[in-house]
Amino acid sequence: RSCAGENLAKREMFLFFTTLLQNFTFKAPSGAKLDLSPEMG
């Protein structure tokens, strides 16, 4: 009963993530604080 979409999700994440980092460098706006706390739900 594991996630039926596991293989699809892994493929999506690899392709999207590498394409984004291939084309862009991501930076926080000046003075912004990056909070790694999750939004609970």
Full PDB file with SEQRES, HELIX, SHEET, SSBOND, CRYST1, ORIGX, SCALE, CONECT and MASTER records, all heavy atoms in Angstrom:
SEQRES   1 A   41  ARG SER CYS ALA GLY GLU ASN LEU ALA LYS ARG GLU MET          
SEQRES   2 A   41  PHE LEU PHE PHE THR THR LEU LEU GLN ASN PHE THR PHE          
SEQRES   3 A   41  LYS ALA PRO SER GLY ALA LYS LEU ASP LEU SER PRO GLU          
SEQRES   4 A   41  MET GLY                                                      
HELIX    1 AA1 GLU A    6  ASN A   23  1                                  18    
CRYST1    1.000    1.000    1.000  90.00  90.00  90.00 P 1           1          
ORIGX1      1.000000  0.000000  0.000000        0.00000                         
ORIGX2      0.000000  1.000000  0.000000        0.00000                         
ORIGX3      0.000000  0.000000  1.000000        0.00000                         
SCALE1      1.000000  0.000000  0.000000        0.00000                         
SCALE2      0.000000  1.000000  0.000000        0.00000                         
SCALE3      0.000000  0.000000  1.000000        0.00000                         
ATOM      1  N   ARG A   1       0.820  -1.217   0.000  1.00  0.00           N  
ATOM      2  CA  ARG A   1       0.000   0.000   0.000  1.00  0.00           C  
ATOM      3  C   ARG A   1       0.854   1.267   0.000  1.00  0.00           C  
ATOM      4  O   ARG A   1       0.410   2.322   0.425  1.00  0.00           O  
ATOM      5  CB  ARG A   1      -0.957  -0.011   1.198  1.00  0.00           C  
ATOM      6  CG  ARG A   1      -1.979  -1.139   1.153  1.00  0.00           C  
ATOM      7  CD  ARG A   1      -2.980  -0.934   0.024  1.00  0.00           C  
ATOM      8  NE  ARG A   1      -3.965  -2.003  -0.029  1.00  0.00           N  
ATOM      9  CZ  ARG A   1      -3.970  -2.953  -0.943  1.00  0.00           C  
ATOM     10  NH1 ARG A   1      -3.021  -2.972  -1.876  1.00  0.00           N  
ATOM     11  NH2 ARG A   1      -4.890  -3.887  -0.946  1.00  0.00           N  
ATOM     12  N   SER A   2       2.094   1.155  -0.459  1.00  0.00           N  
ATOM     13  CA  SER A   2       2.922   2.354  -0.577  1.00  0.00           C  
ATOM     14  C   SER A   2       2.398   3.229  -1.705  1.00  0.00           C  
ATOM     15  O   SER A   2       1.567   2.801  -2.510  1.00  0.00           O  
ATOM     16  CB  SER A   2       4.382   1.972  -0.835  1.00  0.00           C  
ATOM     17  OG  SER A   2       4.499   1.286  -2.062  1.00  0.00           O  
ATOM     18  N   CYS A   3       2.894   4.442  -1.794  1.00  0.00           N  
ATOM     19  CA  CYS A   3       2.397   5.416  -2.768  1.00  0.00           C  
ATOM     20  C   CYS A   3       2.526   4.886  -4.194  1.00  0.00           C  
ATOM     21  O   CYS A   3       3.629   4.554  -4.644  1.00  0.00           O  
ATOM     22  CB  CYS A   3       3.159   6.731  -2.623  1.00  0.00           C  
ATOM     23  SG  CYS A   3       2.692   7.977  -3.844  1.00  0.00           S  
ATOM     24  N   ALA A   4       1.419   4.827  -4.899  1.00  0.00           N  
ATOM     25  CA  ALA A   4       1.423   4.318  -6.274  1.00  0.00           C  
ATOM     26  C   ALA A   4       2.163   5.256  -7.224  1.00  0.00           C  
ATOM     27  O   ALA A   4       2.595   4.847  -8.297  1.00  0.00           O  
ATOM     28  CB  ALA A   4      -0.004   4.109  -6.754  1.00  0.00           C  
ATOM     29  N   GLY A   5       2.302   6.530  -6.840  1.00  0.00           N  
ATOM     30  CA  GLY A   5       2.950   7.499  -7.715  1.00  0.00           C  
ATOM     31  C   GLY A   5       4.417   7.717  -7.417  1.00  0.00           C  
ATOM     32  O   GLY A   5       5.003   8.698  -7.883  1.00  0.00           O  
ATOM     33  N   GLU A   6       5.049   6.804  -6.659  1.00  0.00           N  
ATOM     34  CA  GLU A   6       6.431   7.010  -6.244  1.00  0.00           C  
ATOM     35  C   GLU A   6       7.377   7.200  -7.425  1.00  0.00           C  
ATOM     36  O   GLU A   6       8.161   8.152  -7.472  1.00  0.00           O  
ATOM     37  CB  GLU A   6       6.902   5.831  -5.380  1.00  0.00           C  
ATOM     38  CG  GLU A   6       8.355   5.955  -4.940  1.00  0.00           C  
ATOM     39  CD  GLU A   6       8.774   4.832  -4.001  1.00  0.00           C  
ATOM     40  OE1 GLU A   6       7.901   4.026  -3.587  1.00  0.00           O  
ATOM     41  OE2 GLU A   6       9.976   4.762  -3.673  1.00  0.00           O  
ATOM     42  N   ASN A   7       7.328   6.305  -8.404  1.00  0.00           N  
ATOM     43  CA  ASN A   7       8.250   6.402  -9.543  1.00  0.00           C  
ATOM     44  C   ASN A   7       8.018   7.679 -10.339  1.00  0.00           C  
ATOM     45  O   ASN A   7       8.972   8.337 -10.777  1.00  0.00           O  
ATOM     46  CB  ASN A   7       8.106   5.175 -10.442  1.00  0.00           C  
ATOM     47  CG  ASN A   7       8.701   3.934  -9.813  1.00  0.00           C  
ATOM     48  OD1 ASN A   7       9.630   4.022  -9.013  1.00  0.00           O  
ATOM     49  ND2 ASN A   7       8.169   2.775 -10.152  1.00  0.00           N  
ATOM     50  N   LEU A   8       6.741   8.033 -10.534  1.00  0.00           N  
ATOM     51  CA  LEU A   8       6.429   9.266 -11.253  1.00  0.00           C  
ATOM     52  C   LEU A   8       6.954  10.477 -10.490  1.00  0.00           C  
ATOM     53  O   LEU A   8       7.559  11.382 -11.081  1.00  0.00           O  
ATOM     54  CB  LEU A   8       4.921   9.386 -11.461  1.00  0.00           C  
ATOM     55  CG  LEU A   8       4.427  10.692 -12.091  1.00  0.00           C  
ATOM     56  CD1 LEU A   8       5.003  10.878 -13.484  1.00  0.00           C  
ATOM     57  CD2 LEU A   8       2.902  10.724 -12.130  1.00  0.00           C  
ATOM     58  N   ALA A   9       6.742  10.503  -9.174  1.00  0.00           N  
ATOM     59  CA  ALA A   9       7.189  11.641  -8.363  1.00  0.00           C  
ATOM     60  C   ALA A   9       8.702  11.794  -8.409  1.00  0.00           C  
ATOM     61  O   ALA A   9       9.219  12.910  -8.529  1.00  0.00           O  
ATOM     62  CB  ALA A   9       6.719  11.458  -6.923  1.00  0.00           C  
ATOM     63  N   LYS A  10       9.423  10.689  -8.339  1.00  0.00           N  
ATOM     64  CA  LYS A  10      10.888  10.754  -8.384  1.00  0.00           C  
ATOM     65  C   LYS A  10      11.369  11.315  -9.718  1.00  0.00           C  
ATOM     66  O   LYS A  10      12.316  12.121  -9.769  1.00  0.00           O  
ATOM     67  CB  LYS A  10      11.470   9.365  -8.158  1.00  0.00           C  
ATOM     68  CG  LYS A  10      11.361   8.873  -6.717  1.00  0.00           C  
ATOM     69  CD  LYS A  10      11.948   7.477  -6.573  1.00  0.00           C  
ATOM     70  CE  LYS A  10      11.915   7.016  -5.125  1.00  0.00           C  
ATOM     71  NZ  LYS A  10      12.459   5.646  -4.971  1.00  0.00           N  
ATOM     72  N   ARG A  11      10.731  10.907 -10.788  1.00  0.00           N  
ATOM     73  CA  ARG A  11      11.106  11.411 -12.108  1.00  0.00           C  
ATOM     74  C   ARG A  11      10.800  12.910 -12.223  1.00  0.00           C  
ATOM     75  O   ARG A  11      11.622  13.690 -12.714  1.00  0.00           O  
ATOM     76  CB  ARG A  11      10.358  10.643 -13.205  1.00  0.00           C  
ATOM     77  CG  ARG A  11      10.830   9.219 -13.384  1.00  0.00           C  
ATOM     78  CD  ARG A  11       9.881   8.398 -14.243  1.00  0.00           C  
ATOM     79  NE  ARG A  11      10.404   7.075 -14.507  1.00  0.00           N  
ATOM     80  CZ  ARG A  11      11.041   6.722 -15.612  1.00  0.00           C  
ATOM     81  NH1 ARG A  11      11.217   7.610 -16.576  1.00  0.00           N  
ATOM     82  NH2 ARG A  11      11.490   5.493 -15.771  1.00  0.00           N  
ATOM     83  N   GLU A  12       9.609  13.287 -11.764  1.00  0.00           N  
ATOM     84  CA  GLU A  12       9.223  14.695 -11.828  1.00  0.00           C  
ATOM     85  C   GLU A  12      10.194  15.568 -11.055  1.00  0.00           C  
ATOM     86  O   GLU A  12      10.650  16.614 -11.546  1.00  0.00           O  
ATOM     87  CB  GLU A  12       7.811  14.877 -11.264  1.00  0.00           C  
ATOM     88  CG  GLU A  12       6.706  14.369 -12.159  1.00  0.00           C  
ATOM     89  CD  GLU A  12       5.338  14.554 -11.528  1.00  0.00           C  
ATOM     90  OE1 GLU A  12       5.226  14.515 -10.288  1.00  0.00           O  
ATOM     91  OE2 GLU A  12       4.370  14.743 -12.286  1.00  0.00           O  
ATOM     92  N   MET A  13      10.497  15.162  -9.829  1.00  0.00           N  
ATOM     93  CA  MET A  13      11.367  15.990  -8.988  1.00  0.00           C  
ATOM     94  C   MET A  13      12.757  16.129  -9.575  1.00  0.00           C  
ATOM     95  O   MET A  13      13.344  17.214  -9.542  1.00  0.00           O  
ATOM     96  CB  MET A  13      11.417  15.407  -7.572  1.00  0.00           C  
ATOM     97  CG  MET A  13      10.146  15.675  -6.788  1.00  0.00           C  
ATOM     98  SD  MET A  13      10.208  15.143  -5.071  1.00  0.00           S  
ATOM     99  CE  MET A  13      10.068  13.377  -5.260  1.00  0.00           C  
ATOM    100  N   PHE A  14      13.298  15.050 -10.128  1.00  0.00           N  
ATOM    101  CA  PHE A  14      14.627  15.146 -10.728  1.00  0.00           C  
ATOM    102  C   PHE A  14      14.616  16.078 -11.931  1.00  0.00           C  
ATOM    103  O   PHE A  14      15.479  16.960 -12.054  1.00  0.00           O  
ATOM    104  CB  PHE A  14      15.124  13.755 -11.158  1.00  0.00           C  
ATOM    105  CG  PHE A  14      16.455  13.807 -11.863  1.00  0.00           C  
ATOM    106  CD1 PHE A  14      17.630  13.922 -11.149  1.00  0.00           C  
ATOM    107  CD2 PHE A  14      16.521  13.759 -13.252  1.00  0.00           C  
ATOM    108  CE1 PHE A  14      18.860  13.995 -11.807  1.00  0.00           C  
ATOM    109  CE2 PHE A  14      17.738  13.821 -13.916  1.00  0.00           C  
ATOM    110  CZ  PHE A  14      18.907  13.939 -13.187  1.00  0.00           C  
ATOM    111  N   LEU A  15      13.641  15.911 -12.823  1.00  0.00           N  
ATOM    112  CA  LEU A  15      13.614  16.718 -14.049  1.00  0.00           C  
ATOM    113  C   LEU A  15      13.343  18.190 -13.749  1.00  0.00           C  
ATOM    114  O   LEU A  15      14.004  19.077 -14.304  1.00  0.00           O  
ATOM    115  CB  LEU A  15      12.565  16.162 -15.010  1.00  0.00           C  
ATOM    116  CG  LEU A  15      12.865  14.765 -15.573  1.00  0.00           C  
ATOM    117  CD1 LEU A  15      11.687  14.257 -16.393  1.00  0.00           C  
ATOM    118  CD2 LEU A  15      14.129  14.790 -16.423  1.00  0.00           C  
ATOM    119  N   PHE A  16      12.372  18.470 -12.876  1.00  0.00           N  
ATOM    120  CA  PHE A  16      12.063  19.864 -12.541  1.00  0.00           C  
ATOM    121  C   PHE A  16      13.235  20.519 -11.807  1.00  0.00           C  
ATOM    122  O   PHE A  16      13.635  21.647 -12.113  1.00  0.00           O  
ATOM    123  CB  PHE A  16      10.799  19.948 -11.682  1.00  0.00           C  
ATOM    124  CG  PHE A  16       9.521  19.785 -12.458  1.00  0.00           C  
ATOM    125  CD1 PHE A  16       8.575  18.852 -12.067  1.00  0.00           C  
ATOM    126  CD2 PHE A  16       9.253  20.551 -13.573  1.00  0.00           C  
ATOM    127  CE1 PHE A  16       7.395  18.688 -12.774  1.00  0.00           C  
ATOM    128  CE2 PHE A  16       8.078  20.407 -14.286  1.00  0.00           C  
ATOM    129  CZ  PHE A  16       7.145  19.471 -13.892  1.00  0.00           C  
ATOM    130  N   PHE A  17      13.777  19.824 -10.809  1.00  0.00           N  
ATOM    131  CA  PHE A  17      14.839  20.394  -9.970  1.00  0.00           C  
ATOM    132  C   PHE A  17      16.087  20.692 -10.796  1.00  0.00           C  
ATOM    133  O   PHE A  17      16.665  21.785 -10.700  1.00  0.00           O  
ATOM    134  CB  PHE A  17      15.159  19.422  -8.831  1.00  0.00           C  
ATOM    135  CG  PHE A  17      16.134  19.953  -7.817  1.00  0.00           C  
ATOM    136  CD1 PHE A  17      15.762  20.950  -6.927  1.00  0.00           C  
ATOM    137  CD2 PHE A  17      17.423  19.443  -7.738  1.00  0.00           C  
ATOM    138  CE1 PHE A  17      16.660  21.440  -5.984  1.00  0.00           C  
ATOM    139  CE2 PHE A  17      18.324  19.917  -6.806  1.00  0.00           C  
ATOM    140  CZ  PHE A  17      17.942  20.925  -5.923  1.00  0.00           C  
ATOM    141  N   THR A  18      16.526  19.732 -11.620  1.00  0.00           N  
ATOM    142  CA  THR A  18      17.733  19.960 -12.410  1.00  0.00           C  
ATOM    143  C   THR A  18      17.514  21.035 -13.467  1.00  0.00           C  
ATOM    144  O   THR A  18      18.412  21.842 -13.730  1.00  0.00           O  
ATOM    145  CB  THR A  18      18.196  18.651 -13.091  1.00  0.00           C  
ATOM    146  OG1 THR A  18      17.106  18.090 -13.826  1.00  0.00           O  
ATOM    147  CG2 THR A  18      18.675  17.658 -12.065  1.00  0.00           C  
ATOM    148  N   THR A  19      16.333  21.074 -14.063  1.00  0.00           N  
ATOM    149  CA  THR A  19      16.055  22.105 -15.071  1.00  0.00           C  
ATOM    150  C   THR A  19      16.062  23.492 -14.447  1.00  0.00           C  
ATOM    151  O   THR A  19      16.606  24.452 -15.018  1.00  0.00           O  
ATOM    152  CB  THR A  19      14.700  21.838 -15.753  1.00  0.00           C  
ATOM    153  OG1 THR A  19      14.737  20.558 -16.389  1.00  0.00           O  
ATOM    154  CG2 THR A  19      14.400  22.901 -16.805  1.00  0.00           C  
ATOM    155  N   LEU A  20      15.484  23.622 -13.261  1.00  0.00           N  
ATOM    156  CA  LEU A  20      15.464  24.917 -12.580  1.00  0.00           C  
ATOM    157  C   LEU A  20      16.872  25.377 -12.227  1.00  0.00           C  
ATOM    158  O   LEU A  20      17.244  26.527 -12.468  1.00  0.00           O  
ATOM    159  CB  LEU A  20      14.595  24.833 -11.319  1.00  0.00           C  
ATOM    160  CG  LEU A  20      13.087  24.792 -11.553  1.00  0.00           C  
ATOM    161  CD1 LEU A  20      12.346  24.384 -10.282  1.00  0.00           C  
ATOM    162  CD2 LEU A  20      12.581  26.147 -12.041  1.00  0.00           C  
ATOM    163  N   LEU A  21      17.683  24.476 -11.661  1.00  0.00           N  
ATOM    164  CA  LEU A  21      19.034  24.868 -11.254  1.00  0.00           C  
ATOM    165  C   LEU A  21      19.983  24.982 -12.435  1.00  0.00           C  
ATOM    166  O   LEU A  21      21.011  25.646 -12.346  1.00  0.00           O  
ATOM    167  CB  LEU A  21      19.594  23.892 -10.211  1.00  0.00           C  
ATOM    168  CG  LEU A  21      19.367  24.348  -8.762  1.00  0.00           C  
ATOM    169  CD1 LEU A  21      17.884  24.335  -8.424  1.00  0.00           C  
ATOM    170  CD2 LEU A  21      20.149  23.505  -7.779  1.00  0.00           C  
ATOM    171  N   GLN A  22      19.637  24.355 -13.542  1.00  0.00           N  
ATOM    172  CA  GLN A  22      20.419  24.520 -14.762  1.00  0.00           C  
ATOM    173  C   GLN A  22      20.279  25.940 -15.308  1.00  0.00           C  
ATOM    174  O   GLN A  22      21.235  26.516 -15.831  1.00  0.00           O  
ATOM    175  CB  GLN A  22      19.958  23.512 -15.810  1.00  0.00           C  
ATOM    176  CG  GLN A  22      20.709  23.569 -17.143  1.00  0.00           C  
ATOM    177  CD  GLN A  22      20.058  22.660 -18.170  1.00  0.00           C  
ATOM    178  OE1 GLN A  22      18.841  22.718 -18.379  1.00  0.00           O  
ATOM    179  NE2 GLN A  22      20.837  21.811 -18.802  1.00  0.00           N  
ATOM    180  N   ASN A  23      19.093  26.509 -15.142  1.00  0.00           N  
ATOM    181  CA  ASN A  23      18.793  27.799 -15.761  1.00  0.00           C  
ATOM    182  C   ASN A  23      18.808  28.990 -14.816  1.00  0.00           C  
ATOM    183  O   ASN A  23      18.893  30.138 -15.265  1.00  0.00           O  
ATOM    184  CB  ASN A  23      17.423  27.718 -16.436  1.00  0.00           C  
ATOM    185  CG  ASN A  23      17.434  26.815 -17.656  1.00  0.00           C  
ATOM    186  OD1 ASN A  23      17.887  27.215 -18.725  1.00  0.00           O  
ATOM    187  ND2 ASN A  23      16.957  25.586 -17.505  1.00  0.00           N  
ATOM    188  N   PHE A  24      18.724  28.729 -13.504  1.00  0.00           N  
ATOM    189  CA  PHE A  24      18.655  29.834 -12.540  1.00  0.00           C  
ATOM    190  C   PHE A  24      19.508  29.551 -11.310  1.00  0.00           C  
ATOM    191  O   PHE A  24      19.720  28.400 -10.935  1.00  0.00           O  
ATOM    192  CB  PHE A  24      17.211  30.062 -12.070  1.00  0.00           C  
ATOM    193  CG  PHE A  24      16.261  30.449 -13.158  1.00  0.00           C  
ATOM    194  CD1 PHE A  24      15.473  29.487 -13.780  1.00  0.00           C  
ATOM    195  CD2 PHE A  24      16.140  31.779 -13.560  1.00  0.00           C  
ATOM    196  CE1 PHE A  24      14.586  29.832 -14.783  1.00  0.00           C  
ATOM    197  CE2 PHE A  24      15.250  32.132 -14.570  1.00  0.00           C  
ATOM    198  CZ  PHE A  24      14.480  31.160 -15.186  1.00  0.00           C  
ATOM    199  N   THR A  25      19.978  30.636 -10.707  1.00  0.00           N  
ATOM    200  CA  THR A  25      20.532  30.577  -9.354  1.00  0.00           C  
ATOM    201  C   THR A  25      19.529  31.258  -8.440  1.00  0.00           C  
ATOM    202  O   THR A  25      19.062  32.362  -8.735  1.00  0.00           O  
ATOM    203  CB  THR A  25      21.887  31.296  -9.269  1.00  0.00           C  
ATOM    204  OG1 THR A  25      22.844  30.586 -10.067  1.00  0.00           O  
ATOM    205  CG2 THR A  25      22.383  31.356  -7.819  1.00  0.00           C  
ATOM    206  N   PHE A  26      19.192  30.602  -7.347  1.00  0.00           N  
ATOM    207  CA  PHE A  26      18.146  31.103  -6.456  1.00  0.00           C  
ATOM    208  C   PHE A  26      18.774  31.734  -5.216  1.00  0.00           C  
ATOM    209  O   PHE A  26      19.601  31.119  -4.543  1.00  0.00           O  
ATOM    210  CB  PHE A  26      17.190  29.974  -6.082  1.00  0.00           C  
ATOM    211  CG  PHE A  26      16.463  29.426  -7.271  1.00  0.00           C  
ATOM    212  CD1 PHE A  26      16.961  28.323  -7.967  1.00  0.00           C  
ATOM    213  CD2 PHE A  26      15.299  30.029  -7.730  1.00  0.00           C  
ATOM    214  CE1 PHE A  26      16.304  27.829  -9.082  1.00  0.00           C  
ATOM    215  CE2 PHE A  26      14.637  29.543  -8.847  1.00  0.00           C  
ATOM    216  CZ  PHE A  26      15.135  28.445  -9.526  1.00  0.00           C  
ATOM    217  N   LYS A  27      18.368  32.983  -4.954  1.00  0.00           N  
ATOM    218  CA  LYS A  27      18.880  33.728  -3.813  1.00  0.00           C  
ATOM    219  C   LYS A  27      17.732  34.408  -3.083  1.00  0.00           C  
ATOM    220  O   LYS A  27      16.705  34.744  -3.681  1.00  0.00           O  
ATOM    221  CB  LYS A  27      19.891  34.787  -4.267  1.00  0.00           C  
ATOM    222  CG  LYS A  27      21.170  34.222  -4.869  1.00  0.00           C  
ATOM    223  CD  LYS A  27      22.147  35.337  -5.224  1.00  0.00           C  
ATOM    224  CE  LYS A  27      23.449  34.764  -5.775  1.00  0.00           C  
ATOM    225  NZ  LYS A  27      24.429  35.847  -6.117  1.00  0.00           N  
ATOM    226  N   ALA A  28      17.928  34.608  -1.783  1.00  0.00           N  
ATOM    227  CA  ALA A  28      16.923  35.323  -1.000  1.00  0.00           C  
ATOM    228  C   ALA A  28      17.060  36.821  -1.252  1.00  0.00           C  
ATOM    229  O   ALA A  28      18.170  37.320  -1.477  1.00  0.00           O  
ATOM    230  CB  ALA A  28      17.113  35.028   0.481  1.00  0.00           C  
ATOM    231  N   PRO A  29      15.973  37.572  -1.240  1.00  0.00           N  
ATOM    232  CA  PRO A  29      16.062  39.030  -1.352  1.00  0.00           C  
ATOM    233  C   PRO A  29      16.916  39.595  -0.225  1.00  0.00           C  
ATOM    234  O   PRO A  29      17.021  39.001   0.855  1.00  0.00           O  
ATOM    235  CB  PRO A  29      14.604  39.482  -1.229  1.00  0.00           C  
ATOM    236  CG  PRO A  29      13.794  38.279  -1.598  1.00  0.00           C  
ATOM    237  CD  PRO A  29      14.585  37.103  -1.137  1.00  0.00           C  
ATOM    238  N   SER A  30      17.516  40.728  -0.468  1.00  0.00           N  
ATOM    239  CA  SER A  30      18.400  41.351   0.532  1.00  0.00           C  
ATOM    240  C   SER A  30      17.654  41.548   1.856  1.00  0.00           C  
ATOM    241  O   SER A  30      16.561  42.108   1.897  1.00  0.00           O  
ATOM    242  CB  SER A  30      18.889  42.704   0.005  1.00  0.00           C  
ATOM    243  OG  SER A  30      19.712  43.329   0.964  1.00  0.00           O  
ATOM    244  N   GLY A  31      18.276  41.070   2.927  1.00  0.00           N  
ATOM    245  CA  GLY A  31      17.712  41.248   4.262  1.00  0.00           C  
ATOM    246  C   GLY A  31      16.668  40.237   4.664  1.00  0.00           C  
ATOM    247  O   GLY A  31      16.186  40.239   5.800  1.00  0.00           O  
ATOM    248  N   ALA A  32      16.287  39.344   3.740  1.00  0.00           N  
ATOM    249  CA  ALA A  32      15.247  38.361   4.050  1.00  0.00           C  
ATOM    250  C   ALA A  32      15.807  37.259   4.945  1.00  0.00           C  
ATOM    251  O   ALA A  32      16.957  36.844   4.812  1.00  0.00           O  
ATOM    252  CB  ALA A  32      14.686  37.762   2.770  1.00  0.00           C  
ATOM    253  N   LYS A  33      14.985  36.787   5.859  1.00  0.00           N  
ATOM    254  CA  LYS A  33      15.358  35.681   6.726  1.00  0.00           C  
ATOM    255  C   LYS A  33      14.654  34.416   6.233  1.00  0.00           C  
ATOM    256  O   LYS A  33      13.459  34.426   5.960  1.00  0.00           O  
ATOM    257  CB  LYS A  33      14.960  35.973   8.178  1.00  0.00           C  
ATOM    258  CG  LYS A  33      15.744  37.118   8.805  1.00  0.00           C  
ATOM    259  CD  LYS A  33      15.358  37.315  10.260  1.00  0.00           C  
ATOM    260  CE  LYS A  33      16.165  38.442  10.892  1.00  0.00           C  
ATOM    261  NZ  LYS A  33      15.802  38.646  12.328  1.00  0.00           N  
ATOM    262  N   LEU A  34      15.428  33.358   6.119  1.00  0.00           N  
ATOM    263  CA  LEU A  34      14.891  32.106   5.604  1.00  0.00           C  
ATOM    264  C   LEU A  34      14.518  31.192   6.764  1.00  0.00           C  
ATOM    265  O   LEU A  34      15.381  30.716   7.499  1.00  0.00           O  
ATOM    266  CB  LEU A  34      15.920  31.427   4.693  1.00  0.00           C  
ATOM    267  CG  LEU A  34      16.335  32.239   3.461  1.00  0.00           C  
ATOM    268  CD1 LEU A  34      17.433  31.527   2.698  1.00  0.00           C  
ATOM    269  CD2 LEU A  34      15.134  32.492   2.556  1.00  0.00           C  
ATOM    270  N   ASP A  35      13.228  30.968   6.922  1.00  0.00           N  
ATOM    271  CA  ASP A  35      12.701  30.164   8.022  1.00  0.00           C  
ATOM    272  C   ASP A  35      12.427  28.742   7.523  1.00  0.00           C  
ATOM    273  O   ASP A  35      11.658  28.553   6.586  1.00  0.00           O  
ATOM    274  CB  ASP A  35      11.416  30.797   8.559  1.00  0.00           C  
ATOM    275  CG  ASP A  35      10.930  30.148   9.839  1.00  0.00           C  
ATOM    276  OD1 ASP A  35      11.436  29.069  10.201  1.00  0.00           O  
ATOM    277  OD2 ASP A  35      10.026  30.718  10.481  1.00  0.00           O  
ATOM    278  N   LEU A  36      13.075  27.759   8.142  1.00  0.00           N  
ATOM    279  CA  LEU A  36      12.903  26.371   7.726  1.00  0.00           C  
ATOM    280  C   LEU A  36      11.813  25.654   8.523  1.00  0.00           C  
ATOM    281  O   LEU A  36      11.675  24.435   8.429  1.00  0.00           O  
ATOM    282  CB  LEU A  36      14.227  25.610   7.860  1.00  0.00           C  
ATOM    283  CG  LEU A  36      15.385  26.114   6.994  1.00  0.00           C  
ATOM    284  CD1 LEU A  36      16.609  25.231   7.180  1.00  0.00           C  
ATOM    285  CD2 LEU A  36      14.996  26.177   5.522  1.00  0.00           C  
ATOM    286  N   SER A  37      11.027  26.406   9.278  1.00  0.00           N  
ATOM    287  CA  SER A  37       9.916  25.804  10.008  1.00  0.00           C  
ATOM    288  C   SER A  37       8.797  25.455   9.026  1.00  0.00           C  
ATOM    289  O   SER A  37       8.508  26.234   8.113  1.00  0.00           O  
ATOM    290  CB  SER A  37       9.364  26.762  11.067  1.00  0.00           C  
ATOM    291  OG  SER A  37      10.378  27.148  11.976  1.00  0.00           O  
ATOM    292  N   PRO A  38       8.155  24.310   9.192  1.00  0.00           N  
ATOM    293  CA  PRO A  38       7.065  23.946   8.281  1.00  0.00           C  
ATOM    294  C   PRO A  38       5.774  24.661   8.625  1.00  0.00           C  
ATOM    295  O   PRO A  38       5.557  25.064   9.766  1.00  0.00           O  
ATOM    296  CB  PRO A  38       6.913  22.439   8.501  1.00  0.00           C  
ATOM    297  CG  PRO A  38       7.348  22.226   9.915  1.00  0.00           C  
ATOM    298  CD  PRO A  38       8.450  23.232  10.150  1.00  0.00           C  
ATOM    299  N   GLU A  39       4.940  24.836   7.610  1.00  0.00           N  
ATOM    300  CA  GLU A  39       3.584  25.337   7.822  1.00  0.00           C  
ATOM    301  C   GLU A  39       2.715  24.124   8.086  1.00  0.00           C  
ATOM    302  O   GLU A  39       2.462  23.313   7.193  1.00  0.00           O  
ATOM    303  CB  GLU A  39       3.102  26.103   6.587  1.00  0.00           C  
ATOM    304  CG  GLU A  39       1.752  26.770   6.766  1.00  0.00           C  
ATOM    305  CD  GLU A  39       1.417  27.682   5.603  1.00  0.00           C  
ATOM    306  OE1 GLU A  39       1.771  27.345   4.456  1.00  0.00           O  
ATOM    307  OE2 GLU A  39       0.804  28.741   5.833  1.00  0.00           O  
ATOM    308  N   MET A  40       2.281  23.976   9.317  1.00  0.00           N  
ATOM    309  CA  MET A  40       1.614  22.755   9.735  1.00  0.00           C  
ATOM    310  C   MET A  40       0.263  22.581   9.049  1.00  0.00           C  
ATOM    311  O   MET A  40      -0.477  23.545   8.854  1.00  0.00           O  
ATOM    312  CB  MET A  40       1.434  22.740  11.252  1.00  0.00           C  
ATOM    313  CG  MET A  40       2.743  22.828  12.028  1.00  0.00           C  
ATOM    314  SD  MET A  40       3.893  21.502  11.594  1.00  0.00           S  
ATOM    315  CE  MET A  40       3.008  20.084  12.234  1.00  0.00           C  
ATOM    316  N   GLY A  41      -0.012  21.347   8.686  1.00  0.00           N  
ATOM    317  CA  GLY A  41      -1.280  21.013   8.048  1.00  0.00           C  
ATOM    318  C   GLY A  41      -1.319  19.525   7.788  1.00  0.00           C  
ATOM    319  O   GLY A  41      -0.576  18.756   8.412  1.00  0.00           O  
TER     320      GLY A  41                                                      
MASTER        0    0    0    1    0    0    0    6  319    1    0    4          
END                                                                             
